[in-house]
Amino acid sequence: MARKNFALRISPELYAALERWAADDLRSVNAQIEYLLTQTVKKAGRWPERRPVPPEPEEPDER
């Protein structure tokens, strides 16, 4: 999956807080921001759902 690049302007204080949080979670700041945005979008019900794969038909019991 190709990643989209864009500029993000945030305050130095917010960046420092994200940097500390990312270090605690062993992530880069970029990965931390992507993680937080993904979680927020999913929680808000805005994540694009993939169509579920239908289950395989069950074989009949031979009793």
Protein backbone atom coordinates (compact mmCIF):
# COMPACT_ATOMS: atom_id res chain seq x y z
CA MET A 1 0.00 0.00 0.00
CA ALA A 2 1.41 3.36 -1.02
CA ARG A 3 1.47 6.00 1.68
CA LYS A 4 0.25 9.54 1.09
CA ASN A 5 2.70 12.29 2.06
CA PHE A 6 1.44 15.63 3.40
CA ALA A 7 2.65 18.46 5.57
CA LEU A 8 1.33 18.62 9.13
CA ARG A 9 1.79 21.79 11.13
CA ILE A 10 1.50 21.30 14.89
CA SER A 11 2.76 23.17 17.90
CA PRO A 12 6.17 22.31 19.32
CA GLU A 13 4.48 21.34 22.60
CA LEU A 14 2.18 18.85 20.88
CA TYR A 15 5.09 17.43 18.88
CA ALA A 16 7.13 16.98 22.07
CA ALA A 17 4.24 15.16 23.76
CA LEU A 18 3.80 12.90 20.70
CA GLU A 19 7.55 12.26 20.63
CA ARG A 20 7.55 11.13 24.29
CA TRP A 21 4.44 8.98 23.75
CA ALA A 22 5.93 7.40 20.62
CA ALA A 23 9.14 6.58 22.50
CA ASP A 24 7.13 4.94 25.29
CA ASP A 25 5.34 2.79 22.68
CA LEU A 26 8.58 2.10 20.73
CA ARG A 27 7.24 3.85 17.62
CA SER A 28 8.38 6.71 15.44
CA VAL A 29 6.39 9.94 15.78
CA ASN A 30 4.96 9.31 12.31
CA ALA A 31 3.84 5.79 13.25
CA GLN A 32 2.37 7.09 16.51
CA ILE A 33 0.33 9.74 14.70
CA GLU A 34 -0.89 7.17 12.16
CA TYR A 35 -1.81 4.76 14.97
CA LEU A 36 -3.73 7.41 16.90
CA LEU A 37 -5.57 8.62 13.80
CA THR A 38 -6.48 5.05 12.80
CA GLN A 39 -7.85 4.27 16.27
CA THR A 40 -9.86 7.51 16.32
CA VAL A 41 -11.31 6.95 12.84
CA LYS A 42 -12.31 3.37 13.75
CA LYS A 43 -13.87 4.48 17.06
CA ALA A 44 -15.88 7.14 15.19
CA GLY A 45 -17.23 4.48 12.81
CA ARG A 46 -15.55 6.12 9.82
CA TRP A 47 -13.13 3.31 8.92
CA PRO A 48 -14.00 1.80 5.53
CA GLU A 49 -15.22 -1.70 6.22
CA ARG A 50 -14.20 -4.46 3.88
CA ARG A 51 -16.86 -6.80 2.68
CA PRO A 52 -16.85 -9.92 4.83
CA VAL A 53 -15.80 -13.11 3.14
CA PRO A 54 -18.72 -15.55 3.23
CA PRO A 55 -17.99 -18.66 5.30
CA GLU A 56 -17.33 -21.95 3.60
CA PRO A 57 -20.43 -24.18 3.49
CA GLU A 58 -20.35 -26.78 6.22
CA GLU A 59 -20.35 -30.42 5.25
CA PRO A 60 -23.39 -32.35 6.50
CA ASP A 61 -22.96 -34.68 9.44
CA GLU A 62 -22.83 -38.32 8.43
CA ARG A 63 -24.29 -40.08 11.41
